[in-house]
């Protein structure tokens, strides 16, 4: 019998990609981003970007962990490496070298004025300036380390509930500490300018939490499903606190928001969400480099024009590129 599709995951993924695209579209007005600057100040968008940054990647990593927890015992380690390399590392190289770098060179993005192969190698393959593509190698490593960690903490029998709980808590504690102190990793000379170790420390905890929700937390989510109004209010309150006091509430707010998504988002099928979910990876790959065009030539334009072009026009272009490549024999270049 064919297993019933979990439409909630499709709905969450669709909302997540919309958040990412919108977050990239407004990043020019973020006080925490200095690659490009604008004399136009939009405080509301600055605050909104802080909130989006809290949830967008934790949500994507949690979704990946949730889905991986369904299959990690069925896939041999060697096959897992092969599948994830094809899905993540080939698109990383293709989009980085054949799409992102050429666009940055054409618009003379800062750091790309006098570019050469050596500098490109350092930026892309050492990860010192890989833009939005940092997510792909980070997710690849998360898959590699998740298989033994999931087996260690989730495969205990029901007769050993205390032992299982202790293992889960130990994993969460260790990676939570890694997440909290991940900023110090990038300051080590051996990792100077290389963000991958820091990214793994920060994001594997969300990958693990996604697996935990499926393997051990379904009863908890079911309880929260009956209290959706409470969950929504809590998410709003925590979001406000995290914007006002980001140093103290960011991690906890992200955790509440991830749980809220798995609680509040409907489980019914939505054709628009299905479509966006199916093409979300391609949209992610192709959208972000396009915003450098707007930021180069229209940085002082009205925010309505800048955000509209970035979100609607470039979002649509990223989707069209994805659909076109899907129809060719080169779809493997974007992990499809």
C-alpha atoms as a PDB file:
ATOM      1  CA  UNK A   1       0.000   0.000   0.000  1.00  0.00           C
ATOM      2  CA  UNK A   2       1.370   3.422  -0.961  1.00  0.00           C
ATOM      3  CA  UNK A   3       2.122   5.614   2.029  1.00  0.00           C
ATOM      4  CA  UNK A   4      -0.036   8.732   2.279  1.00  0.00           C
ATOM      5  CA  UNK A   5       1.864  11.896   1.395  1.00  0.00           C
ATOM      6  CA  UNK A   6       2.526  14.372   4.179  1.00  0.00           C
ATOM      7  CA  UNK A   7       1.140  17.554   2.652  1.00  0.00           C
ATOM      8  CA  UNK A   8       2.061  19.568   5.726  1.00  0.00           C
ATOM      9  CA  UNK A   9       5.737  19.186   4.786  1.00  0.00           C
ATOM     10  CA  UNK A  10       5.013  20.508   1.285  1.00  0.00           C
ATOM     11  CA  UNK A  11       3.124  23.442   2.783  1.00  0.00           C
ATOM     12  CA  UNK A  12       5.915  24.239   5.235  1.00  0.00           C
ATOM     13  CA  UNK A  13       8.577  24.011   2.514  1.00  0.00           C
ATOM     14  CA  UNK A  14       6.563  26.354   0.282  1.00  0.00           C
ATOM     15  CA  UNK A  15       6.240  28.917   3.061  1.00  0.00           C
ATOM     16  CA  UNK A  16       9.923  28.509   3.881  1.00  0.00           C
ATOM     17  CA  UNK A  17      11.090  29.241   0.325  1.00  0.00           C
ATOM     18  CA  UNK A  18       8.835  32.306   0.188  1.00  0.00           C
ATOM     19  CA  UNK A  19      10.454  33.515   3.415  1.00  0.00           C
ATOM     20  CA  UNK A  20      13.945  32.972   2.006  1.00  0.00           C
ATOM     21  CA  UNK A  21      13.179  34.736  -1.270  1.00  0.00           C
ATOM     22  CA  UNK A  22      11.572  37.673   0.530  1.00  0.00           C
ATOM     23  CA  UNK A  23      14.435  37.813   3.051  1.00  0.00           C
ATOM     24  CA  UNK A  24      16.977  38.006   0.221  1.00  0.00           C
ATOM     25  CA  UNK A  25      14.822  40.610  -1.509  1.00  0.00           C
ATOM     26  CA  UNK A  26      14.910  43.028   1.437  1.00  0.00           C
ATOM     27  CA  UNK A  27      18.440  42.395   2.666  1.00  0.00           C
ATOM     28  CA  UNK A  28      19.623  45.741   1.244  1.00  0.00           C
ATOM     29  CA  UNK A  29      17.729  47.434   4.082  1.00  0.00           C
ATOM     30  CA  UNK A  30      19.185  45.231   6.801  1.00  0.00           C
ATOM     31  CA  UNK A  31      21.489  46.952   9.291  1.00  0.00           C
ATOM     32  CA  UNK A  32      23.401  43.659   9.626  1.00  0.00           C
ATOM     33  CA  UNK A  33      24.350  43.467   5.920  1.00  0.00           C
ATOM     34  CA  UNK A  34      27.081  45.702   4.539  1.00  0.00           C
ATOM     35  CA  UNK A  35      28.045  44.240   1.165  1.00  0.00           C
ATOM     36  CA  UNK A  36      25.844  46.879  -0.466  1.00  0.00           C
ATOM     37  CA  UNK A  37      24.530  50.040   1.181  1.00  0.00           C
ATOM     38  CA  UNK A  38      21.666  52.369   0.469  1.00  0.00           C
ATOM     39  CA  UNK A  39      20.807  55.862   1.663  1.00  0.00           C
ATOM     40  CA  UNK A  40      17.197  54.707   1.777  1.00  0.00           C
ATOM     41  CA  UNK A  41      16.337  53.522   5.273  1.00  0.00           C
ATOM     42  CA  UNK A  42      13.362  51.243   5.959  1.00  0.00           C
ATOM     43  CA  UNK A  43      13.339  50.316   9.671  1.00  0.00           C
ATOM     44  CA  UNK A  44      10.308  48.065   9.288  1.00  0.00           C
ATOM     45  CA  UNK A  45      12.095  45.927   6.693  1.00  0.00           C
ATOM     46  CA  UNK A  46      15.208  45.881   8.850  1.00  0.00           C
ATOM     47  CA  UNK A  47      13.201  44.416  11.764  1.00  0.00           C
ATOM     48  CA  UNK A  48      11.377  42.025   9.465  1.00  0.00           C
ATOM     49  CA  UNK A  49      14.712  40.751   8.108  1.00  0.00           C
ATOM     50  CA  UNK A  50      15.858  40.034  11.669  1.00  0.00           C
ATOM     51  CA  UNK A  51      12.759  37.884  12.195  1.00  0.00           C
ATOM     52  CA  UNK A  52      13.091  36.090   8.863  1.00  0.00           C
ATOM     53  CA  UNK A  53      16.756  35.328   9.575  1.00  0.00           C
ATOM     54  CA  UNK A  54      15.718  33.726  12.857  1.00  0.00           C
ATOM     55  CA  UNK A  55      13.500  31.119  11.256  1.00  0.00           C
ATOM     56  CA  UNK A  56      14.340  30.629   7.564  1.00  0.00           C
ATOM     57  CA  UNK A  57      17.339  28.292   7.818  1.00  0.00           C
ATOM     58  CA  UNK A  58      16.326  26.513  11.067  1.00  0.00           C
ATOM     59  CA  UNK A  59      13.072  25.641   9.279  1.00  0.00           C
ATOM     60  CA  UNK A  60      14.842  24.277   6.189  1.00  0.00           C
ATOM     61  CA  UNK A  61      17.281  22.209   8.239  1.00  0.00           C
ATOM     62  CA  UNK A  62      14.471  20.906  10.466  1.00  0.00           C
ATOM     63  CA  UNK A  63      12.525  19.835   7.374  1.00  0.00           C
ATOM     64  CA  UNK A  64      15.582  17.978   6.059  1.00  0.00           C
ATOM     65  CA  UNK A  65      16.112  16.251   9.398  1.00  0.00           C
ATOM     66  CA  UNK A  66      12.431  15.358   9.617  1.00  0.00           C
ATOM     67  CA  UNK A  67      12.476  13.677   6.193  1.00  0.00           C
ATOM     68  CA  UNK A  68      15.866  12.042   6.729  1.00  0.00           C
ATOM     69  CA  UNK A  69      14.617  10.371   9.905  1.00  0.00           C
ATOM     70  CA  UNK A  70      12.223   8.400   7.685  1.00  0.00           C
ATOM     71  CA  UNK A  71      14.992   6.852   5.593  1.00  0.00           C
ATOM     72  CA  UNK A  72      18.341   6.844   7.398  1.00  0.00           C
ATOM     73  CA  UNK A  73      18.044   3.167   8.371  1.00  0.00           C
ATOM     74  CA  UNK A  74      17.154   2.136   4.827  1.00  0.00           C
ATOM     75  CA  UNK A  75      20.138   3.716   3.047  1.00  0.00           C
ATOM     76  CA  UNK A  76      23.683   2.341   3.192  1.00  0.00           C
ATOM     77  CA  UNK A  77      26.327   4.925   4.033  1.00  0.00           C
ATOM     78  CA  UNK A  78      28.094   4.663   0.673  1.00  0.00           C
ATOM     79  CA  UNK A  79      24.841   5.096  -1.241  1.00  0.00           C
ATOM     80  CA  UNK A  80      23.893   8.011   1.015  1.00  0.00           C
ATOM     81  CA  UNK A  81      27.122   9.827   0.155  1.00  0.00           C
ATOM     82  CA  UNK A  82      26.575   9.247  -3.562  1.00  0.00           C
ATOM     83  CA  UNK A  83      22.943  10.412  -3.496  1.00  0.00           C
ATOM     84  CA  UNK A  84      23.557  13.527  -1.426  1.00  0.00           C
ATOM     85  CA  UNK A  85      26.664  14.503  -3.405  1.00  0.00           C
ATOM     86  CA  UNK A  86      24.591  14.328  -6.592  1.00  0.00           C
ATOM     87  CA  UNK A  87      21.756  16.246  -4.980  1.00  0.00           C
ATOM     88  CA  UNK A  88      23.843  18.952  -3.268  1.00  0.00           C
ATOM     89  CA  UNK A  89      27.483  19.159  -4.379  1.00  0.00           C
ATOM     90  CA  UNK A  90      26.947  19.031  -8.144  1.00  0.00           C
ATOM     91  CA  UNK A  91      24.459  21.957  -7.973  1.00  0.00           C
ATOM     92  CA  UNK A  92      26.896  23.761  -5.665  1.00  0.00           C
ATOM     93  CA  UNK A  93      29.662  23.628  -8.276  1.00  0.00           C
ATOM     94  CA  UNK A  94      27.407  24.243 -11.278  1.00  0.00           C
ATOM     95  CA  UNK A  95      25.439  27.181  -9.889  1.00  0.00           C
ATOM     96  CA  UNK A  96      28.496  28.668  -8.199  1.00  0.00           C
ATOM     97  CA  UNK A  97      30.788  28.588 -11.221  1.00  0.00           C
ATOM     98  CA  UNK A  98      28.330  28.940 -14.108  1.00  0.00           C
ATOM     99  CA  UNK A  99      25.712  31.260 -12.632  1.00  0.00           C
ATOM    100  CA  UNK A 100      26.566  33.090  -9.411  1.00  0.00           C
ATOM    101  CA  UNK A 101      30.173  34.027 -10.206  1.00  0.00           C
ATOM    102  CA  UNK A 102      29.407  35.277 -13.764  1.00  0.00           C
ATOM    103  CA  UNK A 103      26.564  37.469 -12.474  1.00  0.00           C
ATOM    104  CA  UNK A 104      28.774  38.933  -9.754  1.00  0.00           C
ATOM    105  CA  UNK A 105      31.521  39.623 -12.302  1.00  0.00           C
ATOM    106  CA  UNK A 106      29.107  41.295 -14.725  1.00  0.00           C
ATOM    107  CA  UNK A 107      27.702  43.659 -12.085  1.00  0.00           C
ATOM    108  CA  UNK A 108      31.162  44.189 -10.548  1.00  0.00           C
ATOM    109  CA  UNK A 109      30.071  42.984  -7.154  1.00  0.00           C
ATOM    110  CA  UNK A 110      32.507  44.008  -4.380  1.00  0.00           C
ATOM    111  CA  UNK A 111      35.402  41.548  -4.404  1.00  0.00           C
ATOM    112  CA  UNK A 112      34.861  40.544  -8.039  1.00  0.00           C
ATOM    113  CA  UNK A 113      36.432  43.532  -9.805  1.00  0.00           C
ATOM    114  CA  UNK A 114      39.771  41.872 -10.619  1.00  0.00           C
ATOM    115  CA  UNK A 115      38.842  38.228 -10.295  1.00  0.00           C
ATOM    116  CA  UNK A 116      40.962  35.271 -11.421  1.00  0.00           C
ATOM    117  CA  UNK A 117      40.719  31.493 -11.193  1.00  0.00           C
ATOM    118  CA  UNK A 118      42.696  31.341  -7.951  1.00  0.00           C
ATOM    119  CA  UNK A 119      40.372  33.827  -6.267  1.00  0.00           C
ATOM    120  CA  UNK A 120      37.326  31.985  -7.596  1.00  0.00           C
ATOM    121  CA  UNK A 121      38.691  28.725  -6.203  1.00  0.00           C
ATOM    122  CA  UNK A 122      39.182  30.327  -2.773  1.00  0.00           C
ATOM    123  CA  UNK A 123      35.753  31.922  -2.804  1.00  0.00           C
ATOM    124  CA  UNK A 124      33.807  28.870  -3.983  1.00  0.00           C
ATOM    125  CA  UNK A 125      35.735  25.728  -3.106  1.00  0.00           C
ATOM    126  CA  UNK A 126      37.133  26.978   0.202  1.00  0.00           C
ATOM    127  CA  UNK A 127      33.798  28.596   0.977  1.00  0.00           C
ATOM    128  CA  UNK A 128      35.169  32.055   1.744  1.00  0.00           C
ATOM    129  CA  UNK A 129      32.561  33.808  -0.406  1.00  0.00           C
ATOM    130  CA  UNK A 130      29.998  31.289  -1.599  1.00  0.00           C
ATOM    131  CA  UNK A 131      26.960  33.467  -0.923  1.00  0.00           C
ATOM    132  CA  UNK A 132      23.679  31.645  -0.452  1.00  0.00           C
ATOM    133  CA  UNK A 133      25.290  28.396  -1.621  1.00  0.00           C
ATOM    134  CA  UNK A 134      26.848  27.854   1.826  1.00  0.00           C
ATOM    135  CA  UNK A 135      23.674  25.915   2.625  1.00  0.00           C
ATOM    136  CA  UNK A 136      24.504  23.045   0.253  1.00  0.00           C
ATOM    137  CA  UNK A 137      27.839  21.748   1.642  1.00  0.00           C
ATOM    138  CA  UNK A 138      26.577  22.418   5.161  1.00  0.00           C
ATOM    139  CA  UNK A 139      23.490  20.291   4.551  1.00  0.00           C
ATOM    140  CA  UNK A 140      25.646  17.586   2.923  1.00  0.00           C
ATOM    141  CA  UNK A 141      27.794  17.317   6.071  1.00  0.00           C
ATOM    142  CA  UNK A 142      24.667  17.293   8.237  1.00  0.00           C
ATOM    143  CA  UNK A 143      23.431  14.224   6.355  1.00  0.00           C
ATOM    144  CA  UNK A 144      26.799  12.520   6.782  1.00  0.00           C
ATOM    145  CA  UNK A 145      27.002  12.985  10.546  1.00  0.00           C
ATOM    146  CA  UNK A 146      23.260  12.514  11.138  1.00  0.00           C
ATOM    147  CA  UNK A 147      23.143   8.849  10.164  1.00  0.00           C
ATOM    148  CA  UNK A 148      25.259   7.563  13.095  1.00  0.00           C
ATOM    149  CA  UNK A 149      23.857  10.159  15.498  1.00  0.00           C
ATOM    150  CA  UNK A 150      20.259   9.313  14.619  1.00  0.00           C
ATOM    151  CA  UNK A 151      21.032   5.602  15.014  1.00  0.00           C
ATOM    152  CA  UNK A 152      22.670   6.279  18.395  1.00  0.00           C
ATOM    153  CA  UNK A 153      19.836   8.334  19.838  1.00  0.00           C
ATOM    154  CA  UNK A 154      16.645   7.196  18.091  1.00  0.00           C
ATOM    155  CA  UNK A 155      17.039   3.431  17.711  1.00  0.00           C
ATOM    156  CA  UNK A 156      16.694   2.477  21.378  1.00  0.00           C
ATOM    157  CA  UNK A 157      13.854   0.083  22.211  1.00  0.00           C
ATOM    158  CA  UNK A 158      10.784   1.241  24.102  1.00  0.00           C
ATOM    159  CA  UNK A 159      11.940  -0.818  27.081  1.00  0.00           C
ATOM    160  CA  UNK A 160      14.850   1.550  27.566  1.00  0.00           C
ATOM    161  CA  UNK A 161      12.998   4.860  27.635  1.00  0.00           C
ATOM    162  CA  UNK A 162      15.320   6.436  30.226  1.00  0.00           C
ATOM    163  CA  UNK A 163      18.433   5.462  28.266  1.00  0.00           C
ATOM    164  CA  UNK A 164      16.892   6.754  25.033  1.00  0.00           C
ATOM    165  CA  UNK A 165      15.893  10.054  26.639  1.00  0.00           C
ATOM    166  CA  UNK A 166      19.385  10.457  28.096  1.00  0.00           C
ATOM    167  CA  UNK A 167      20.982   9.933  24.673  1.00  0.00           C
ATOM    168  CA  UNK A 168      18.646  12.433  23.030  1.00  0.00           C
ATOM    169  CA  UNK A 169      19.224  15.034  25.719  1.00  0.00           C
ATOM    170  CA  UNK A 170      22.993  14.584  25.480  1.00  0.00           C
ATOM    171  CA  UNK A 171      22.957  15.147  21.711  1.00  0.00           C
ATOM    172  CA  UNK A 172      20.714  18.210  22.035  1.00  0.00           C
ATOM    173  CA  UNK A 173      22.881  19.619  24.838  1.00  0.00           C
ATOM    174  CA  UNK A 174      26.165  19.108  22.982  1.00  0.00           C
ATOM    175  CA  UNK A 175      24.987  20.651  19.730  1.00  0.00           C
ATOM    176  CA  UNK A 176      23.112  23.437  21.522  1.00  0.00           C
ATOM    177  CA  UNK A 177      26.392  24.390  23.167  1.00  0.00           C
ATOM    178  CA  UNK A 178      28.112  24.164  19.789  1.00  0.00           C
ATOM    179  CA  UNK A 179      25.407  26.428  18.377  1.00  0.00           C
ATOM    180  CA  UNK A 180      25.708  28.987  21.167  1.00  0.00           C
ATOM    181  CA  UNK A 181      29.485  29.200  20.902  1.00  0.00           C
ATOM    182  CA  UNK A 182      29.728  28.760  17.138  1.00  0.00           C
ATOM    183  CA  UNK A 183      30.842  32.366  16.719  1.00  0.00           C
ATOM    184  CA  UNK A 184      34.158  31.534  18.344  1.00  0.00           C
ATOM    185  CA  UNK A 185      34.853  28.844  15.734  1.00  0.00           C
ATOM    186  CA  UNK A 186      35.282  31.377  12.947  1.00  0.00           C
ATOM    187  CA  UNK A 187      37.848  33.290  15.009  1.00  0.00           C
ATOM    188  CA  UNK A 188      40.263  30.352  15.033  1.00  0.00           C
ATOM    189  CA  UNK A 189      43.120  31.036  12.616  1.00  0.00           C
ATOM    190  CA  UNK A 190      42.763  27.631  10.959  1.00  0.00           C
ATOM    191  CA  UNK A 191      39.169  28.507   9.987  1.00  0.00           C
ATOM    192  CA  UNK A 192      39.732  32.185   9.197  1.00  0.00           C
ATOM    193  CA  UNK A 193      37.270  33.215   6.521  1.00  0.00           C
ATOM    194  CA  UNK A 194      35.934  29.668   6.095  1.00  0.00           C
ATOM    195  CA  UNK A 195      32.355  29.507   7.331  1.00  0.00           C
ATOM    196  CA  UNK A 196      31.556  25.791   6.924  1.00  0.00           C
ATOM    197  CA  UNK A 197      32.588  24.624  10.444  1.00  0.00           C
ATOM    198  CA  UNK A 198      30.602  27.458  12.018  1.00  0.00           C
ATOM    199  CA  UNK A 199      27.593  26.783   9.796  1.00  0.00           C
ATOM    200  CA  UNK A 200      27.565  23.105  10.762  1.00  0.00           C
ATOM    201  CA  UNK A 201      27.771  23.940  14.460  1.00  0.00           C
ATOM    202  CA  UNK A 202      24.866  26.382  14.183  1.00  0.00           C
ATOM    203  CA  UNK A 203      22.551  24.350  11.981  1.00  0.00           C
ATOM    204  CA  UNK A 204      22.944  20.669  12.783  1.00  0.00           C
ATOM    205  CA  UNK A 205      20.931  21.205  15.956  1.00  0.00           C
ATOM    206  CA  UNK A 206      17.944  22.180  13.760  1.00  0.00           C
ATOM    207  CA  UNK A 207      18.491  19.154  11.541  1.00  0.00           C
ATOM    208  CA  UNK A 208      18.458  16.970  14.651  1.00  0.00           C
ATOM    209  CA  UNK A 209      15.371  18.677  16.065  1.00  0.00           C
ATOM    210  CA  UNK A 210      13.556  17.913  12.811  1.00  0.00           C
ATOM    211  CA  UNK A 211      14.432  14.234  13.213  1.00  0.00           C
ATOM    212  CA  UNK A 212      13.402  14.329  16.853  1.00  0.00           C
ATOM    213  CA  UNK A 213       9.980  15.764  15.983  1.00  0.00           C
ATOM    214  CA  UNK A 214       9.223  12.776  13.769  1.00  0.00           C
ATOM    215  CA  UNK A 215      10.860  10.023  15.815  1.00  0.00           C
ATOM    216  CA  UNK A 216       9.994  11.076  19.354  1.00  0.00           C
ATOM    217  CA  UNK A 217       7.930  14.251  19.332  1.00  0.00           C
ATOM    218  CA  UNK A 218       4.762  13.412  17.435  1.00  0.00           C
ATOM    219  CA  UNK A 219       2.731  13.017  20.630  1.00  0.00           C
ATOM    220  CA  UNK A 220       3.898  16.454  21.791  1.00  0.00           C
ATOM    221  CA  UNK A 221       2.965  18.017  18.438  1.00  0.00           C
ATOM    222  CA  UNK A 222      -0.443  16.329  18.606  1.00  0.00           C
ATOM    223  CA  UNK A 223      -1.049  17.954  21.992  1.00  0.00           C
ATOM    224  CA  UNK A 224      -0.061  21.366  20.616  1.00  0.00           C
ATOM    225  CA  UNK A 225      -2.370  20.866  17.629  1.00  0.00           C
ATOM    226  CA  UNK A 226      -5.268  21.215  20.051  1.00  0.00           C
ATOM    227  CA  UNK A 227      -3.822  24.493  21.355  1.00  0.00           C
ATOM    228  CA  UNK A 228      -2.931  26.288  18.127  1.00  0.00           C
ATOM    229  CA  UNK A 229      -4.047  29.706  19.388  1.00  0.00           C
ATOM    230  CA  UNK A 230      -1.703  29.411  22.376  1.00  0.00           C
ATOM    231  CA  UNK A 231       1.171  28.323  20.106  1.00  0.00           C
ATOM    232  CA  UNK A 232       0.499  31.244  17.753  1.00  0.00           C
ATOM    233  CA  UNK A 233       0.442  33.797  20.610  1.00  0.00           C
ATOM    234  CA  UNK A 234       3.633  32.326  22.088  1.00  0.00           C
ATOM    235  CA  UNK A 235       5.350  32.517  18.687  1.00  0.00           C
ATOM    236  CA  UNK A 236       4.356  36.181  18.304  1.00  0.00           C
ATOM    237  CA  UNK A 237       5.517  37.101  21.822  1.00  0.00           C
ATOM    238  CA  UNK A 238       8.846  35.313  21.372  1.00  0.00           C
ATOM    239  CA  UNK A 239       9.334  36.960  17.981  1.00  0.00           C
ATOM    240  CA  UNK A 240       8.900  40.423  19.496  1.00  0.00           C
ATOM    241  CA  UNK A 241      11.298  39.601  22.332  1.00  0.00           C
ATOM    242  CA  UNK A 242      13.908  38.279  19.919  1.00  0.00           C
ATOM    243  CA  UNK A 243      13.784  41.466  17.851  1.00  0.00           C
ATOM    244  CA  UNK A 244      14.127  43.660  20.941  1.00  0.00           C
ATOM    245  CA  UNK A 245      16.660  41.426  22.730  1.00  0.00           C
ATOM    246  CA  UNK A 246      18.240  39.268  19.987  1.00  0.00           C
ATOM    247  CA  UNK A 247      21.191  38.274  22.143  1.00  0.00           C
ATOM    248  CA  UNK A 248      19.022  36.502  24.706  1.00  0.00           C
ATOM    249  CA  UNK A 249      15.979  35.179  22.842  1.00  0.00           C
ATOM    250  CA  UNK A 250      17.087  34.303  19.289  1.00  0.00           C
ATOM    251  CA  UNK A 251      17.733  30.587  19.769  1.00  0.00           C
ATOM    252  CA  UNK A 252      14.664  30.005  21.929  1.00  0.00           C
ATOM    253  CA  UNK A 253      12.489  31.977  19.517  1.00  0.00           C
ATOM    254  CA  UNK A 254      13.731  29.945  16.556  1.00  0.00           C
ATOM    255  CA  UNK A 255      12.881  26.755  18.449  1.00  0.00           C
ATOM    256  CA  UNK A 256       9.371  28.006  19.242  1.00  0.00           C
ATOM    257  CA  UNK A 257       8.841  29.076  15.634  1.00  0.00           C
ATOM    258  CA  UNK A 258       9.991  25.728  14.215  1.00  0.00           C
ATOM    259  CA  UNK A 259       7.593  23.899  16.532  1.00  0.00           C
ATOM    260  CA  UNK A 260       4.857  26.403  15.652  1.00  0.00           C
ATOM    261  CA  UNK A 261       5.233  25.680  11.938  1.00  0.00           C
ATOM    262  CA  UNK A 262       4.899  21.943  12.528  1.00  0.00           C
ATOM    263  CA  UNK A 263       1.840  22.683  14.674  1.00  0.00           C
ATOM    264  CA  UNK A 264      -0.065  25.442  12.885  1.00  0.00           C
ATOM    265  CA  UNK A 265       0.571  24.878   9.162  1.00  0.00           C
ATOM    266  CA  UNK A 266      -2.390  22.957   7.666  1.00  0.00           C
ATOM    267  CA  UNK A 267      -2.047  19.310   6.648  1.00  0.00           C
ATOM    268  CA  UNK A 268      -4.445  19.645   3.733  1.00  0.00           C
ATOM    269  CA  UNK A 269      -3.157  19.620   0.165  1.00  0.00           C
ATOM    270  CA  UNK A 270      -2.675  22.980  -1.510  1.00  0.00           C
ATOM    271  CA  UNK A 271      -1.758  22.897  -5.210  1.00  0.00           C
ATOM    272  CA  UNK A 272       0.140  26.197  -5.100  1.00  0.00           C
ATOM    273  CA  UNK A 273       2.186  25.009  -2.135  1.00  0.00           C
ATOM    274  CA  UNK A 274       2.773  21.672  -3.887  1.00  0.00           C
ATOM    275  CA  UNK A 275       4.126  23.521  -6.922  1.00  0.00           C
ATOM    276  CA  UNK A 276       6.385  25.819  -4.887  1.00  0.00           C
ATOM    277  CA  UNK A 277       7.586  22.948  -2.731  1.00  0.00           C
ATOM    278  CA  UNK A 278       8.511  20.832  -5.757  1.00  0.00           C
ATOM    279  CA  UNK A 279      10.550  23.681  -7.245  1.00  0.00           C
ATOM    280  CA  UNK A 280      11.838  25.242  -4.020  1.00  0.00           C
ATOM    281  CA  UNK A 281      15.393  23.947  -4.409  1.00  0.00           C
ATOM    282  CA  UNK A 282      15.773  25.457  -7.868  1.00  0.00           C
ATOM    283  CA  UNK A 283      14.248  28.750  -6.728  1.00  0.00           C
ATOM    284  CA  UNK A 284      16.746  28.830  -3.877  1.00  0.00           C
ATOM    285  CA  UNK A 285      19.653  28.158  -6.240  1.00  0.00           C
ATOM    286  CA  UNK A 286      18.801  30.766  -8.869  1.00  0.00           C
ATOM    287  CA  UNK A 287      17.123  33.644  -7.045  1.00  0.00           C
ATOM    288  CA  UNK A 288      19.769  35.114  -4.767  1.00  0.00           C
ATOM    289  CA  UNK A 289      22.444  36.034  -7.382  1.00  0.00           C
ATOM    290  CA  UNK A 290      19.876  38.076  -9.302  1.00  0.00           C
ATOM    291  CA  UNK A 291      19.378  40.542  -6.467  1.00  0.00           C
ATOM    292  CA  UNK A 292      22.914  41.866  -7.020  1.00  0.00           C
ATOM    293  CA  UNK A 293      21.650  43.392 -10.258  1.00  0.00           C
ATOM    294  CA  UNK A 294      19.080  45.464  -8.394  1.00  0.00           C
ATOM    295  CA  UNK A 295      21.457  46.373  -5.585  1.00  0.00           C
ATOM    296  CA  UNK A 296      24.073  47.526  -8.101  1.00  0.00           C
ATOM    297  CA  UNK A 297      21.899  49.705 -10.319  1.00  0.00           C
ATOM    298  CA  UNK A 298      18.862  50.605  -8.168  1.00  0.00           C
ATOM    299  CA  UNK A 299      20.141  50.793  -4.603  1.00  0.00           C
ATOM    300  CA  UNK A 300      18.731  54.309  -4.162  1.00  0.00           C
ATOM    301  CA  UNK A 301      15.389  53.574  -5.826  1.00  0.00           C
ATOM    302  CA  UNK A 302      12.086  53.277  -4.017  1.00  0.00           C
ATOM    303  CA  UNK A 303      11.937  50.201  -1.765  1.00  0.00           C
ATOM    304  CA  UNK A 304       8.691  49.243  -3.520  1.00  0.00           C
ATOM    305  CA  UNK A 305      10.605  49.010  -6.809  1.00  0.00           C
ATOM    306  CA  UNK A 306      13.619  47.221  -5.328  1.00  0.00           C
ATOM    307  CA  UNK A 307      11.636  44.679  -3.314  1.00  0.00           C
ATOM    308  CA  UNK A 308       9.085  44.212  -6.093  1.00  0.00           C
ATOM    309  CA  UNK A 309      11.767  43.468  -8.674  1.00  0.00           C
ATOM    310  CA  UNK A 310      13.657  41.173  -6.322  1.00  0.00           C
ATOM    311  CA  UNK A 311      10.690  39.223  -5.007  1.00  0.00           C
ATOM    312  CA  UNK A 312       8.217  39.091  -7.891  1.00  0.00           C
ATOM    313  CA  UNK A 313      10.324  39.472 -11.025  1.00  0.00           C
ATOM    314  CA  UNK A 314      13.512  37.694  -9.989  1.00  0.00           C
ATOM    315  CA  UNK A 315      11.568  35.091  -8.028  1.00  0.00           C
ATOM    316  CA  UNK A 316       9.613  34.320 -11.201  1.00  0.00           C
ATOM    317  CA  UNK A 317      12.799  34.206 -13.279  1.00  0.00           C
ATOM    318  CA  UNK A 318      14.382  31.754 -10.819  1.00  0.00           C
ATOM    319  CA  UNK A 319      11.289  29.570 -11.085  1.00  0.00           C
ATOM    320  CA  UNK A 320      11.303  29.703 -14.904  1.00  0.00           C
ATOM    321  CA  UNK A 321      14.998  28.746 -15.053  1.00  0.00           C
ATOM    322  CA  UNK A 322      14.259  25.812 -12.741  1.00  0.00           C
ATOM    323  CA  UNK A 323      11.352  24.604 -14.877  1.00  0.00           C
ATOM    324  CA  UNK A 324      13.355  24.913 -18.096  1.00  0.00           C
ATOM    325  CA  UNK A 325      16.345  22.960 -16.785  1.00  0.00           C
ATOM    326  CA  UNK A 326      14.041  20.289 -15.357  1.00  0.00           C
ATOM    327  CA  UNK A 327      12.850  19.510 -18.874  1.00  0.00           C
ATOM    328  CA  UNK A 328      16.368  18.824 -20.171  1.00  0.00           C
ATOM    329  CA  UNK A 329      18.804  15.960 -19.698  1.00  0.00           C
ATOM    330  CA  UNK A 330      20.889  18.335 -17.582  1.00  0.00           C
ATOM    331  CA  UNK A 331      18.420  18.406 -14.682  1.00  0.00           C
ATOM    332  CA  UNK A 332      21.040  16.596 -12.571  1.00  0.00           C
ATOM    333  CA  UNK A 333      22.994  19.864 -12.526  1.00  0.00           C
ATOM    334  CA  UNK A 334      20.375  21.262 -10.157  1.00  0.00           C
ATOM    335  CA  UNK A 335      19.949  18.083  -8.138  1.00  0.00           C
ATOM    336  CA  UNK A 336      16.841  16.863  -9.933  1.00  0.00           C
END
